[in-house]
Amino acid sequence: MKTSYSFRGTWTVAAAPEAVHDVLVDLERYPDWWPQVRAVAKLGPDDARVLCRSVLPYTLDLVLHAEHREPPLLETTISGDLDGVVRWRLVPVDGGTRMEFEQDVQVGRLLGVASYVARPLLTWNHHRMMDGCIAGLRARLGV
């Protein structure tokens, strides 16, 4: 049984798109500013293993593959505990950058059974993770 999730979000940060881009493509530094990213191991020029844990007591084990790294689109495929894609669109706006986030994933079999029952809780947990992302990104950028 596979359960699908789609997340969307839009945030504005008071930094140039180039600065936001530079932070987002530097996966190995994510644990320095994104509290829910616990560890990152580079596997190659376009691949990394990432361990994430938000509020719930479960650590996601993911392998990320960079598909597109040039602004305005950053796109990464995900495999492991989740399978799918994450996209960031970086749009210049007065005073900074609008960040448009899309994530479309399926959860694997074991997690899929739990996610079917606990969908609202898992969605809430994801939103807490993204709150940590944006707060950490703003701090990292000094804005």
C-alpha atoms as a PDB file:
ATOM      1  CA  MET A   1       0.000   0.000   0.000  1.00  0.00           C
ATOM      2  CA  LYS A   2       1.454   3.356  -1.054  1.00  0.00           C
ATOM      3  CA  THR A   3       0.078   6.603   0.264  1.00  0.00           C
ATOM      4  CA  SER A   4       0.667   9.860  -1.605  1.00  0.00           C
ATOM      5  CA  TYR A   5       1.251  13.308  -0.148  1.00  0.00           C
ATOM      6  CA  SER A   6       1.408  16.660  -1.896  1.00  0.00           C
ATOM      7  CA  PHE A   7       2.653  19.709  -0.046  1.00  0.00           C
ATOM      8  CA  ARG A   8       2.758  23.290  -1.267  1.00  0.00           C
ATOM      9  CA  GLY A   9       4.005  26.454   0.367  1.00  0.00           C
ATOM     10  CA  THR A  10       5.074  29.972  -0.476  1.00  0.00           C
ATOM     11  CA  TRP A  11       7.405  32.087   1.621  1.00  0.00           C
ATOM     12  CA  THR A  12       9.224  35.352   1.095  1.00  0.00           C
ATOM     13  CA  VAL A  13      12.722  36.000   2.402  1.00  0.00           C
ATOM     14  CA  ALA A  14      14.519  39.331   2.384  1.00  0.00           C
ATOM     15  CA  ALA A  15      17.506  38.072   0.397  1.00  0.00           C
ATOM     16  CA  ALA A  16      18.425  37.968  -3.271  1.00  0.00           C
ATOM     17  CA  PRO A  17      17.517  34.816  -5.229  1.00  0.00           C
ATOM     18  CA  GLU A  18      21.222  34.082  -5.732  1.00  0.00           C
ATOM     19  CA  ALA A  19      21.832  34.013  -1.966  1.00  0.00           C
ATOM     20  CA  VAL A  20      18.808  31.784  -1.364  1.00  0.00           C
ATOM     21  CA  HIS A  21      19.922  29.490  -4.195  1.00  0.00           C
ATOM     22  CA  ASP A  22      23.435  29.158  -2.763  1.00  0.00           C
ATOM     23  CA  VAL A  23      22.094  28.015   0.618  1.00  0.00           C
ATOM     24  CA  LEU A  24      19.517  25.610  -0.840  1.00  0.00           C
ATOM     25  CA  VAL A  25      21.945  23.785  -3.132  1.00  0.00           C
ATOM     26  CA  ASP A  26      24.546  23.292  -0.358  1.00  0.00           C
ATOM     27  CA  LEU A  27      22.966  20.123   1.088  1.00  0.00           C
ATOM     28  CA  GLU A  28      25.944  19.237   3.247  1.00  0.00           C
ATOM     29  CA  ARG A  29      25.374  22.404   5.326  1.00  0.00           C
ATOM     30  CA  TYR A  30      21.649  21.808   5.960  1.00  0.00           C
ATOM     31  CA  PRO A  31      22.210  20.486   9.510  1.00  0.00           C
ATOM     32  CA  ASP A  32      23.919  23.820  10.337  1.00  0.00           C
ATOM     33  CA  TRP A  33      20.716  25.811   9.823  1.00  0.00           C
ATOM     34  CA  TRP A  34      17.748  23.406   9.448  1.00  0.00           C
ATOM     35  CA  PRO A  35      17.145  21.801  12.872  1.00  0.00           C
ATOM     36  CA  GLN A  36      15.116  18.874  11.539  1.00  0.00           C
ATOM     37  CA  VAL A  37      17.875  17.764   9.149  1.00  0.00           C
ATOM     38  CA  ARG A  38      19.981  15.603  11.450  1.00  0.00           C
ATOM     39  CA  ALA A  39      22.702  14.399   9.069  1.00  0.00           C
ATOM     40  CA  VAL A  40      23.780  14.615   5.433  1.00  0.00           C
ATOM     41  CA  ALA A  41      26.321  12.369   3.697  1.00  0.00           C
ATOM     42  CA  LYS A  42      27.446  13.253   0.200  1.00  0.00           C
ATOM     43  CA  LEU A  43      27.236  10.211  -2.086  1.00  0.00           C
ATOM     44  CA  GLY A  44      28.416  11.889  -5.280  1.00  0.00           C
ATOM     45  CA  PRO A  45      28.249  15.205  -7.124  1.00  0.00           C
ATOM     46  CA  ASP A  46      24.448  15.061  -7.439  1.00  0.00           C
ATOM     47  CA  ASP A  47      23.488  12.682  -4.618  1.00  0.00           C
ATOM     48  CA  ALA A  48      23.261  12.756  -0.833  1.00  0.00           C
ATOM     49  CA  ARG A  49      21.816  10.656   1.959  1.00  0.00           C
ATOM     50  CA  VAL A  50      19.779  12.764   4.382  1.00  0.00           C
ATOM     51  CA  LEU A  51      18.345  11.872   7.782  1.00  0.00           C
ATOM     52  CA  CYS A  52      15.386  14.063   8.859  1.00  0.00           C
ATOM     53  CA  ARG A  53      13.341  14.101  12.023  1.00  0.00           C
ATOM     54  CA  SER A  54      10.678  16.605  12.916  1.00  0.00           C
ATOM     55  CA  VAL A  55       8.458  16.407  16.018  1.00  0.00           C
ATOM     56  CA  LEU A  56       7.357  12.775  15.741  1.00  0.00           C
ATOM     57  CA  PRO A  57       9.786  10.100  16.981  1.00  0.00           C
ATOM     58  CA  TYR A  58      10.686   8.776  13.541  1.00  0.00           C
ATOM     59  CA  THR A  59      13.749   9.545  11.427  1.00  0.00           C
ATOM     60  CA  LEU A  60      13.271   9.553   7.662  1.00  0.00           C
ATOM     61  CA  ASP A  61      16.163   8.026   5.718  1.00  0.00           C
ATOM     62  CA  LEU A  62      16.253   9.612   2.260  1.00  0.00           C
ATOM     63  CA  VAL A  63      18.505   9.661  -0.784  1.00  0.00           C
ATOM     64  CA  LEU A  64      18.302  12.912  -2.736  1.00  0.00           C
ATOM     65  CA  HIS A  65      19.343  13.333  -6.350  1.00  0.00           C
ATOM     66  CA  ALA A  66      19.697  16.826  -7.831  1.00  0.00           C
ATOM     67  CA  GLU A  67      17.852  16.944 -11.146  1.00  0.00           C
ATOM     68  CA  HIS A  68      18.044  20.693 -11.757  1.00  0.00           C
ATOM     69  CA  ARG A  69      20.092  23.261  -9.820  1.00  0.00           C
ATOM     70  CA  GLU A  70      19.882  26.434 -11.871  1.00  0.00           C
ATOM     71  CA  PRO A  71      17.557  29.263 -10.853  1.00  0.00           C
ATOM     72  CA  PRO A  72      14.744  29.774 -10.940  1.00  0.00           C
ATOM     73  CA  LEU A  73      14.030  26.024 -10.530  1.00  0.00           C
ATOM     74  CA  LEU A  74      15.678  23.661  -8.075  1.00  0.00           C
ATOM     75  CA  GLU A  75      14.418  20.094  -8.426  1.00  0.00           C
ATOM     76  CA  THR A  76      15.408  17.016  -6.476  1.00  0.00           C
ATOM     77  CA  THR A  77      14.150  13.449  -6.641  1.00  0.00           C
ATOM     78  CA  ILE A  78      13.772  11.523  -3.397  1.00  0.00           C
ATOM     79  CA  SER A  79      14.046   7.808  -2.701  1.00  0.00           C
ATOM     80  CA  GLY A  80      14.153   5.764   0.478  1.00  0.00           C
ATOM     81  CA  ASP A  81      11.408   6.170   3.082  1.00  0.00           C
ATOM     82  CA  LEU A  82       9.749   8.548   0.608  1.00  0.00           C
ATOM     83  CA  ASP A  83       9.733   8.418  -3.186  1.00  0.00           C
ATOM     84  CA  GLY A  84       9.003  11.470  -5.268  1.00  0.00           C
ATOM     85  CA  VAL A  85      10.141  14.972  -6.068  1.00  0.00           C
ATOM     86  CA  VAL A  86      10.760  18.311  -4.369  1.00  0.00           C
ATOM     87  CA  ARG A  87      10.837  21.613  -6.242  1.00  0.00           C
ATOM     88  CA  TRP A  88      11.745  25.138  -5.203  1.00  0.00           C
ATOM     89  CA  ARG A  89      11.005  28.020  -7.552  1.00  0.00           C
ATOM     90  CA  LEU A  90      12.913  31.173  -6.654  1.00  0.00           C
ATOM     91  CA  VAL A  91      11.153  34.293  -7.878  1.00  0.00           C
ATOM     92  CA  PRO A  92      12.685  37.750  -7.419  1.00  0.00           C
ATOM     93  CA  VAL A  93      10.324  40.202  -5.707  1.00  0.00           C
ATOM     94  CA  ASP A  94      10.740  43.670  -4.264  1.00  0.00           C
ATOM     95  CA  GLY A  95      12.942  43.275  -1.213  1.00  0.00           C
ATOM     96  CA  GLY A  96      13.896  39.641  -1.715  1.00  0.00           C
ATOM     97  CA  THR A  97      12.813  36.274  -3.032  1.00  0.00           C
ATOM     98  CA  ARG A  98       9.500  34.455  -3.137  1.00  0.00           C
ATOM     99  CA  MET A  99      10.117  30.759  -2.581  1.00  0.00           C
ATOM    100  CA  GLU A 100       7.477  28.467  -4.062  1.00  0.00           C
ATOM    101  CA  PHE A 101       7.723  24.952  -2.631  1.00  0.00           C
ATOM    102  CA  GLU A 102       6.211  21.749  -4.056  1.00  0.00           C
ATOM    103  CA  GLN A 103       6.650  18.237  -2.745  1.00  0.00           C
ATOM    104  CA  ASP A 104       4.917  15.202  -4.212  1.00  0.00           C
ATOM    105  CA  VAL A 105       5.864  11.928  -2.547  1.00  0.00           C
ATOM    106  CA  GLN A 106       4.679   8.438  -1.805  1.00  0.00           C
ATOM    107  CA  VAL A 107       5.544   6.639   1.376  1.00  0.00           C
ATOM    108  CA  GLY A 108       6.814   3.080   1.369  1.00  0.00           C
ATOM    109  CA  ARG A 109       4.935   0.008   2.536  1.00  0.00           C
ATOM    110  CA  LEU A 110       5.678   0.020   6.257  1.00  0.00           C
ATOM    111  CA  LEU A 111       5.366   3.758   6.687  1.00  0.00           C
ATOM    112  CA  GLY A 112       2.440   3.723   4.251  1.00  0.00           C
ATOM    113  CA  VAL A 113       0.227   1.715   6.599  1.00  0.00           C
ATOM    114  CA  ALA A 114       0.916   4.143   9.454  1.00  0.00           C
ATOM    115  CA  SER A 115       0.484   7.155   7.188  1.00  0.00           C
ATOM    116  CA  TYR A 116      -2.951   6.017   6.094  1.00  0.00           C
ATOM    117  CA  VAL A 117      -4.179   6.099   9.695  1.00  0.00           C
ATOM    118  CA  ALA A 118      -2.094   9.054  10.916  1.00  0.00           C
ATOM    119  CA  ARG A 119      -2.310  11.307   7.847  1.00  0.00           C
ATOM    120  CA  PRO A 120      -3.330  14.492   9.754  1.00  0.00           C
ATOM    121  CA  LEU A 121      -0.538  13.961  12.278  1.00  0.00           C
ATOM    122  CA  LEU A 122       2.062  13.347   9.568  1.00  0.00           C
ATOM    123  CA  THR A 123       0.891  16.431   7.662  1.00  0.00           C
ATOM    124  CA  TRP A 124       1.184  18.510  10.843  1.00  0.00           C
ATOM    125  CA  ASN A 125       4.680  17.070  11.396  1.00  0.00           C
ATOM    126  CA  HIS A 126       5.711  18.057   7.857  1.00  0.00           C
ATOM    127  CA  HIS A 127       4.496  21.611   8.436  1.00  0.00           C
ATOM    128  CA  ARG A 128       6.625  21.820  11.604  1.00  0.00           C
ATOM    129  CA  MET A 129       9.623  20.687   9.545  1.00  0.00           C
ATOM    130  CA  MET A 130       9.011  23.376   6.939  1.00  0.00           C
ATOM    131  CA  ASP A 131       8.584  26.011   9.678  1.00  0.00           C
ATOM    132  CA  GLY A 132      12.065  24.993  10.862  1.00  0.00           C
ATOM    133  CA  CYS A 133      13.360  25.247   7.292  1.00  0.00           C
ATOM    134  CA  ILE A 134      12.155  28.787   6.713  1.00  0.00           C
ATOM    135  CA  ALA A 135      13.170  30.061  10.158  1.00  0.00           C
ATOM    136  CA  GLY A 136      16.599  28.458   9.802  1.00  0.00           C
ATOM    137  CA  LEU A 137      17.040  29.738   6.254  1.00  0.00           C
ATOM    138  CA  ARG A 138      16.205  33.298   7.298  1.00  0.00           C
ATOM    139  CA  ALA A 139      18.693  33.047  10.173  1.00  0.00           C
ATOM    140  CA  ARG A 140      21.358  31.592   7.873  1.00  0.00           C
ATOM    141  CA  LEU A 141      20.827  34.442   5.422  1.00  0.00           C
ATOM    142  CA  GLY A 142      20.821  37.007   8.231  1.00  0.00           C
ATOM    143  CA  VAL A 143      17.361  38.338   7.340  1.00  0.00           C
END
